[in-house]
């Protein structure tokens, strides 16, 4: 559309399109999303070169039309598209080569020089409001490329520690058990039984989002011989802590009502699938879309520091057990934390945010109505 406007549109519309494109990408850069700054700068460079190429093509079209040659508008549009693609490819190649050469030159420098450069870059990230995780990932990547630098970047790691002291820790807002019940009820009303099952497994099993989506058909065991009646046994084949903890982990909880619901739902979604096949029919984007739809229906925040994210299922499950009076050692084992210290930090940051007082009256009424219907819906479904 932008190519068509530049090549065929009048001058005011061309300038307006140029302004809108520039403001759009500039606003993306100022939002400081989790995309690395280098990628955003590359996008800005590509857009600027593309705009220059399209403006030049606009002038070329005027010259061609004013001459005796009879070129059609379609040919001009095709020519503009080809030139724009060539310019973009050339710019991408040049930028990638420059970045690769500069990175190799940096890694070939002395440890003191590398430490100073990374510290300055970390300060720039902090000043621009970027996420601390970007700087930490860059430090790990540099150490991974040159293993001798593992203990030779003290100033850079001191910057990370200072960053952590200055920026307050924002933990995930836990999902209250009543909100979970409301989510499950609405998922069943909307004919999303797999989403309801995923929510229950994530909350009761205290699973991370990647562990929920990574479940296979053979990872969910509903055999009552492994425990009391209503026992659900989950096998986590690729847990987050597989390099520092057990490589294969498991979760076990006993909920007879949930057990019966899972028997009916999983019997349908696993019919004809081998044990190694994915358990769910949706992928990451589908799970996130359904989660966002549930939050919007109940008028819950989907963005910002108080947003409910899929990670809140794990936090909510741990907080729910804590509020019921479960021992921290039992919660630590159930949630597969490395030690009790990690769990204590987790609960200290999250348990006081698990109430429903922060919800608006309308949102709270919706949650209460759908929560009351959860038991009936699980039995009748």
Protein backbone atom coordinates (compact mmCIF):
# COMPACT_ATOMS: atom_id res chain seq x y z
CA UNK A 1 0.00 0.00 0.00
CA UNK A 2 2.83 2.38 0.84
CA UNK A 3 4.53 1.58 -2.50
CA UNK A 4 1.32 2.35 -4.35
CA UNK A 5 0.87 5.63 -2.49
CA UNK A 6 4.43 6.74 -3.18
CA UNK A 7 4.44 5.79 -6.85
CA UNK A 8 0.90 6.74 -7.86
CA UNK A 9 -0.40 9.14 -5.22
CA UNK A 10 -0.22 12.93 -5.13
CA UNK A 11 2.56 14.71 -3.26
CA UNK A 12 0.60 15.55 -0.04
CA UNK A 13 -0.49 11.94 0.31
CA UNK A 14 3.09 10.79 -0.27
CA UNK A 15 4.40 13.07 2.48
CA UNK A 16 1.63 11.96 4.84
CA UNK A 17 2.45 8.30 4.23
CA UNK A 18 6.14 8.99 4.84
CA UNK A 19 5.31 10.77 8.09
CA UNK A 20 3.02 7.97 9.29
CA UNK A 21 5.62 5.30 8.53
CA UNK A 22 8.34 7.23 10.34
CA UNK A 23 6.18 7.93 13.40
CA UNK A 24 5.04 4.30 13.51
CA UNK A 25 8.52 2.83 13.62
CA UNK A 26 9.79 5.58 15.87
CA UNK A 27 6.98 4.86 18.36
CA UNK A 28 7.90 1.19 18.27
CA UNK A 29 11.47 2.12 19.10
CA UNK A 30 10.41 4.37 21.96
CA UNK A 31 8.13 1.70 23.41
CA UNK A 32 11.24 -0.34 24.01
CA UNK A 33 9.70 -3.72 23.42
CA UNK A 34 11.59 -6.87 24.23
CA UNK A 35 13.00 -6.97 20.72
CA UNK A 36 16.67 -6.20 20.95
CA UNK A 37 17.73 -2.64 20.25
CA UNK A 38 19.93 -3.72 17.37
CA UNK A 39 16.96 -5.18 15.54
CA UNK A 40 14.96 -2.00 16.04
CA UNK A 41 17.82 0.14 14.73
CA UNK A 42 18.05 -2.16 11.72
CA UNK A 43 14.34 -1.72 11.08
CA UNK A 44 14.68 2.05 11.26
CA UNK A 45 17.58 1.97 8.78
CA UNK A 46 15.65 -0.25 6.39
CA UNK A 47 12.58 1.97 6.53
CA UNK A 48 14.59 5.12 5.95
CA UNK A 49 16.36 3.63 2.93
CA UNK A 50 13.06 2.27 1.62
CA UNK A 51 11.45 5.68 1.91
CA UNK A 52 14.35 7.32 0.08
CA UNK A 53 14.10 4.74 -2.68
CA UNK A 54 10.35 5.27 -3.03
CA UNK A 55 10.71 9.05 -3.11
CA UNK A 56 13.33 8.66 -5.84
CA UNK A 57 10.97 6.40 -7.77
CA UNK A 58 8.25 9.00 -7.45
CA UNK A 59 10.55 11.52 -9.10
CA UNK A 60 11.54 8.92 -11.70
CA UNK A 61 7.90 8.38 -12.56
CA UNK A 62 7.39 12.09 -13.12
CA UNK A 63 10.39 12.19 -15.44
CA UNK A 64 9.18 9.16 -17.36
CA UNK A 65 5.63 10.46 -17.69
CA UNK A 66 6.81 13.89 -18.84
CA UNK A 67 9.01 12.34 -21.54
CA UNK A 68 7.86 10.91 -24.80
CA UNK A 69 8.17 7.36 -23.50
CA UNK A 70 4.81 5.79 -22.63
CA UNK A 71 5.26 3.69 -19.51
CA UNK A 72 2.18 2.43 -17.77
CA UNK A 73 1.54 2.95 -14.09
CA UNK A 74 1.76 -0.78 -13.59
CA UNK A 75 5.28 -0.89 -14.97
CA UNK A 76 6.31 2.00 -12.71
CA UNK A 77 4.84 0.23 -9.70
CA UNK A 78 6.69 -3.00 -10.58
CA UNK A 79 9.93 -1.09 -11.09
CA UNK A 80 9.53 0.64 -7.73
CA UNK A 81 8.88 -2.64 -5.98
CA UNK A 82 11.99 -4.27 -7.49
CA UNK A 83 14.25 -1.34 -6.63
CA UNK A 84 12.89 -1.18 -3.07
CA UNK A 85 13.54 -4.91 -2.55
CA UNK A 86 17.08 -4.58 -3.90
CA UNK A 87 17.79 -1.64 -1.59
CA UNK A 88 16.46 -3.50 1.44
CA UNK A 89 18.53 -6.60 0.68
CA UNK A 90 21.71 -4.57 0.21
CA UNK A 91 21.19 -2.68 3.45
CA UNK A 92 20.51 -5.89 5.38
CA UNK A 93 23.68 -7.52 4.05
CA UNK A 94 25.80 -4.45 4.84
CA UNK A 95 24.45 -4.08 8.37
CA UNK A 96 24.85 -7.79 9.16
CA UNK A 97 28.44 -7.78 7.89
CA UNK A 98 29.30 -4.66 9.89
CA UNK A 99 27.78 -6.07 13.06
CA UNK A 100 29.59 -9.40 12.63
CA UNK A 101 32.94 -7.69 11.99
CA UNK A 102 32.55 -5.34 14.96
CA UNK A 103 31.59 -8.25 17.22
CA UNK A 104 34.66 -10.26 16.21
CA UNK A 105 36.90 -7.22 16.75
CA UNK A 106 35.37 -6.73 20.18
CA UNK A 107 35.88 -10.35 21.18
CA UNK A 108 39.51 -10.17 20.04
CA UNK A 109 40.21 -7.26 22.39
CA UNK A 110 41.55 -7.50 25.92
CA UNK A 111 39.18 -8.49 28.74
CA UNK A 112 39.46 -5.01 30.23
CA UNK A 113 38.34 -3.40 26.95
CA UNK A 114 35.45 -5.82 26.56
CA UNK A 115 34.38 -5.17 30.14
CA UNK A 116 34.44 -1.41 29.60
CA UNK A 117 32.48 -1.61 26.33
CA UNK A 118 29.82 -3.88 27.81
CA UNK A 119 29.50 -1.67 30.88
CA UNK A 120 28.94 1.40 28.70
CA UNK A 121 26.38 -0.50 26.64
CA UNK A 122 24.59 -1.60 29.80
CA UNK A 123 24.47 2.00 31.00
CA UNK A 124 22.96 3.02 27.66
CA UNK A 125 20.31 0.30 27.94
CA UNK A 126 19.45 1.47 31.45
CA UNK A 127 19.21 5.11 30.36
CA UNK A 128 16.90 4.25 27.48
CA UNK A 129 14.60 2.19 29.73
CA UNK A 130 15.35 -1.22 28.21
CA UNK A 131 14.81 -4.46 30.09
CA UNK A 132 17.59 -5.77 32.30
CA UNK A 133 17.21 -9.22 30.77
CA UNK A 134 18.54 -7.90 27.44
CA UNK A 135 21.82 -6.85 29.05
CA UNK A 136 22.11 -10.12 30.98
CA UNK A 137 21.50 -12.16 27.82
CA UNK A 138 24.19 -10.18 26.00
CA UNK A 139 26.71 -10.87 28.78
CA UNK A 140 25.91 -14.57 28.68
CA UNK A 141 26.24 -14.58 24.89
CA UNK A 142 29.66 -12.91 25.03
CA UNK A 143 30.88 -15.37 27.65
CA UNK A 144 29.52 -18.24 25.57
CA UNK A 145 31.51 -17.03 22.54
CA UNK A 146 34.69 -16.60 24.58
CA UNK A 147 34.72 -18.88 27.59
CA UNK A 148 37.87 -17.29 29.06
CA UNK A 149 35.81 -14.20 29.91
CA UNK A 150 33.64 -16.03 32.43
CA UNK A 151 35.23 -14.31 35.44
CA UNK A 152 36.75 -11.33 33.64
CA UNK A 153 33.73 -9.00 33.42
CA UNK A 154 33.41 -7.72 37.01
CA UNK A 155 32.33 -4.19 36.13
CA UNK A 156 29.63 -5.37 33.74
CA UNK A 157 28.18 -7.76 36.34
CA UNK A 158 28.39 -5.02 38.97
CA UNK A 159 26.23 -2.94 36.63
CA UNK A 160 23.67 -5.73 36.59
CA UNK A 161 23.65 -5.83 40.40
CA UNK A 162 23.25 -2.04 40.59
CA UNK A 163 20.44 -2.25 38.03
CA UNK A 164 18.63 -4.81 40.19
CA UNK A 165 18.95 -2.57 43.26
CA UNK A 166 17.59 0.49 41.48
CA UNK A 167 14.73 -1.14 39.60
CA UNK A 168 12.02 -2.72 41.80
CA UNK A 169 11.24 -6.37 41.26
CA UNK A 170 7.89 -6.94 39.55
CA UNK A 171 6.56 -10.44 40.14
CA UNK A 172 3.74 -12.17 38.33
CA UNK A 173 0.29 -11.41 39.67
CA UNK A 174 -1.08 -14.77 40.90
CA UNK A 175 -4.38 -16.10 39.60
CA UNK A 176 -6.89 -16.39 42.41
CA UNK A 177 -8.66 -19.72 42.64
CA UNK A 178 -12.01 -18.01 42.01
CA UNK A 179 -10.65 -16.44 38.81
CA UNK A 180 -9.39 -19.86 37.73
CA UNK A 181 -12.84 -21.38 38.27
CA UNK A 182 -14.41 -18.55 36.29
CA UNK A 183 -11.92 -19.06 33.46
CA UNK A 184 -12.67 -22.78 33.37
CA UNK A 185 -16.43 -22.23 33.32
CA UNK A 186 -16.27 -19.68 30.52
CA UNK A 187 -13.91 -21.90 28.51
CA UNK A 188 -16.43 -24.72 28.65
CA UNK A 189 -19.31 -22.37 27.75
CA UNK A 190 -17.29 -21.22 24.73
CA UNK A 191 -16.60 -24.86 23.75
CA UNK A 192 -12.90 -24.69 24.64
CA UNK A 193 -12.58 -27.90 26.69
CA UNK A 194 -8.87 -28.21 25.95
CA UNK A 195 -8.28 -24.69 27.26
CA UNK A 196 -10.18 -25.54 30.43
CA UNK A 197 -8.07 -28.68 30.91
CA UNK A 198 -4.84 -26.74 30.29
CA UNK A 199 -5.84 -24.13 32.88
CA UNK A 200 -6.58 -26.79 35.49
CA UNK A 201 -3.33 -28.64 34.87
CA UNK A 202 -1.31 -25.42 34.94
CA UNK A 203 -2.84 -24.22 38.20
CA UNK A 204 -3.03 -27.47 40.18
CA UNK A 205 0.29 -28.74 38.83
CA UNK A 206 2.01 -25.33 39.11
CA UNK A 207 3.31 -25.63 35.57
CA UNK A 208 5.14 -23.00 33.57
CA UNK A 209 3.51 -21.94 30.27
CA UNK A 210 6.13 -23.80 28.25
CA UNK A 211 5.53 -26.95 30.29
CA UNK A 212 1.78 -26.73 29.71
CA UNK A 213 2.16 -26.39 25.96
CA UNK A 214 4.91 -29.03 25.84
CA UNK A 215 2.78 -31.82 27.28
CA UNK A 216 2.42 -34.90 25.11
CA UNK A 217 -0.29 -37.54 25.07
CA UNK A 218 1.74 -39.95 27.17
CA UNK A 219 2.69 -37.31 29.76
CA UNK A 220 -0.72 -37.23 31.46
CA UNK A 221 -1.45 -40.37 33.51
CA UNK A 222 -4.90 -40.72 35.03
CA UNK A 223 -4.35 -44.17 36.55
CA UNK A 224 -5.73 -44.42 40.09
CA UNK A 225 -3.14 -47.07 40.94
CA UNK A 226 -0.55 -44.30 41.38
CA UNK A 227 -2.35 -42.80 44.36
CA UNK A 228 -5.74 -42.19 45.93
CA UNK A 229 -8.90 -41.98 43.87
CA UNK A 230 -8.72 -38.96 41.55
CA UNK A 231 -4.92 -38.79 41.29
CA UNK A 232 -3.49 -36.96 38.26
CA UNK A 233 0.13 -37.69 37.38
CA UNK A 234 2.04 -35.41 35.00
CA UNK A 235 5.46 -36.10 33.48
CA UNK A 236 7.55 -33.04 32.54
CA UNK A 237 10.06 -34.25 29.97
CA UNK A 238 11.69 -30.86 29.25
CA UNK A 239 11.49 -28.77 32.43
CA UNK A 240 13.14 -25.38 32.72
CA UNK A 241 15.51 -26.61 35.43
CA UNK A 242 16.58 -29.80 33.64
CA UNK A 243 20.25 -28.69 33.59
CA UNK A 244 20.41 -27.94 37.33
CA UNK A 245 17.75 -30.31 38.68
CA UNK A 246 16.26 -33.60 37.59
CA UNK A 247 16.19 -33.97 33.80
CA UNK A 248 12.72 -35.54 33.89
CA UNK A 249 10.33 -34.28 36.55
CA UNK A 250 6.79 -35.13 37.59
CA UNK A 251 3.80 -33.54 39.29
CA UNK A 252 1.08 -35.33 41.24
CA UNK A 253 -2.13 -33.94 42.68
CA UNK A 254 -5.44 -35.43 43.76
CA UNK A 255 -8.68 -33.79 42.64
CA UNK A 256 -11.50 -36.30 41.90
CA UNK A 257 -13.72 -33.78 40.10
CA UNK A 258 -10.87 -32.58 37.90
CA UNK A 259 -9.81 -36.19 37.32
CA UNK A 260 -13.22 -37.10 35.90
CA UNK A 261 -13.28 -33.99 33.73
CA UNK A 262 -9.82 -34.74 32.33
CA UNK A 263 -10.84 -38.30 31.56
CA UNK A 264 -13.67 -37.07 29.33
CA UNK A 265 -11.76 -34.24 27.66
CA UNK A 266 -8.48 -36.07 27.04
CA UNK A 267 -10.32 -39.09 25.69
CA UNK A 268 -11.55 -36.90 22.84
CA UNK A 269 -8.42 -34.85 22.14
CA UNK A 270 -6.03 -37.85 22.30
CA UNK A 271 -8.09 -40.27 20.22
CA UNK A 272 -5.86 -41.91 17.62
CA UNK A 273 -2.71 -40.00 18.68
CA UNK A 274 0.56 -41.77 19.57
CA UNK A 275 2.04 -41.18 23.05
CA UNK A 276 4.65 -38.77 21.70
CA UNK A 277 2.15 -36.52 19.90
CA UNK A 278 1.33 -33.06 21.30
CA UNK A 279 -1.53 -33.15 23.77
CA UNK A 280 -3.23 -29.93 22.68
CA UNK A 281 -4.53 -28.91 19.28
CA UNK A 282 -3.53 -25.26 19.82
CA UNK A 283 -0.06 -23.74 19.69
CA UNK A 284 1.47 -20.83 21.63
CA UNK A 285 -0.42 -18.16 19.69
CA UNK A 286 -3.75 -19.97 20.05
CA UNK A 287 -3.27 -20.43 23.78
CA UNK A 288 -2.38 -16.77 24.20
CA UNK A 289 -5.36 -15.65 22.10
CA UNK A 290 -7.80 -17.65 24.22
CA UNK A 291 -6.18 -16.41 27.43
CA UNK A 292 -6.52 -12.79 26.30
CA UNK A 293 -10.18 -13.36 25.37
CA UNK A 294 -10.90 -14.74 28.85
CA UNK A 295 -9.19 -11.79 30.54
CA UNK A 296 -11.08 -9.27 28.43
CA UNK A 297 -14.43 -10.90 29.14
CA UNK A 298 -13.87 -10.59 32.88
CA UNK A 299 -12.38 -7.09 32.43
CA UNK A 300 -9.01 -8.11 33.81
CA UNK A 301 -5.82 -6.29 32.75
CA UNK A 302 -3.98 -7.90 29.83
CA UNK A 303 -0.94 -5.60 29.86
CA UNK A 304 1.05 -3.56 32.31
CA UNK A 305 2.56 -4.43 35.70
CA UNK A 306 -0.75 -5.76 37.05
CA UNK A 307 -1.57 -7.89 34.00
CA UNK A 308 -2.60 -11.51 34.30
CA UNK A 309 -0.34 -13.67 32.15
CA UNK A 310 -0.22 -17.46 31.67
CA UNK A 311 2.74 -17.50 34.08
CA UNK A 312 0.26 -16.49 36.79
CA UNK A 313 -1.08 -20.06 36.83
CA UNK A 314 2.09 -21.33 38.48
CA UNK A 315 2.18 -18.40 40.89
CA UNK A 316 -1.51 -18.80 41.66
CA UNK A 317 -1.20 -22.51 42.37
CA UNK A 318 1.66 -21.98 44.82
CA UNK A 319 -0.10 -19.06 46.52
CA UNK A 320 -3.34 -21.06 46.81
CA UNK A 321 -1.58 -23.89 48.64
CA UNK A 322 0.21 -21.39 50.87
CA UNK A 323 -3.03 -19.67 51.82
CA UNK A 324 -4.59 -23.07 52.60
CA UNK A 325 -1.83 -23.63 55.16
CA UNK A 326 0.36 -26.09 53.25
CA UNK A 327 3.93 -26.47 54.46
CA UNK A 328 6.54 -24.61 52.36
CA UNK A 329 8.49 -27.86 51.95
CA UNK A 330 5.42 -29.52 50.38
CA UNK A 331 4.86 -26.55 48.06
CA UNK A 332 8.55 -26.60 47.11
CA UNK A 333 8.33 -30.28 46.15
CA UNK A 334 5.04 -29.87 44.30
CA UNK A 335 6.28 -26.87 42.33
CA UNK A 336 9.75 -28.38 41.73
CA UNK A 337 11.67 -25.39 43.08
CA UNK A 338 15.39 -25.94 43.57
CA UNK A 339 15.32 -24.91 47.22
CA UNK A 340 13.07 -23.36 49.82
CA UNK A 341 14.79 -19.98 49.48
CA UNK A 342 13.56 -19.56 45.89
CA UNK A 343 10.04 -20.45 46.98
CA UNK A 344 10.11 -18.05 49.95
CA UNK A 345 11.07 -15.15 47.67
CA UNK A 346 8.33 -16.22 45.30
CA UNK A 347 5.64 -16.25 47.98
CA UNK A 348 6.81 -13.07 49.71
CA UNK A 349 6.42 -11.14 46.45
CA UNK A 350 3.15 -12.71 45.32
CA UNK A 351 0.92 -13.94 48.16
CA UNK A 352 -0.38 -10.50 49.18
CA UNK A 353 -1.46 -9.77 45.58
CA UNK A 354 -3.70 -12.83 45.27
CA UNK A 355 -6.91 -11.24 46.53
CA UNK A 356 -9.92 -10.01 44.59
CA UNK A 357 -10.00 -6.55 46.20
CA UNK A 358 -8.23 -4.93 43.27
CA UNK A 359 -10.98 -5.94 40.83
CA UNK A 360 -13.70 -3.53 39.82
CA UNK A 361 -17.23 -4.27 41.10
CA UNK A 362 -18.43 -5.36 37.66
CA UNK A 363 -15.44 -7.63 37.14
CA UNK A 364 -15.82 -9.13 40.58
CA UNK A 365 -19.51 -9.92 40.02
CA UNK A 366 -18.68 -11.69 36.76
CA UNK A 367 -15.96 -13.73 38.43
CA UNK A 368 -18.25 -14.72 41.30
CA UNK A 369 -21.10 -15.80 39.01
CA UNK A 370 -18.93 -17.96 36.74
CA UNK A 371 -16.96 -19.32 39.67
CA UNK A 372 -20.12 -20.64 41.32
CA UNK A 373 -21.02 -22.47 38.10
CA UNK A 374 -17.64 -24.21 37.75
CA UNK A 375 -18.50 -27.34 39.75
CA UNK A 376 -21.75 -27.91 37.85
CA UNK A 377 -20.08 -27.28 34.51
CA UNK A 378 -17.24 -29.73 35.23
CA UNK A 379 -19.73 -32.46 36.14
CA UNK A 380 -22.13 -31.91 33.24
CA UNK A 381 -19.54 -31.43 30.52
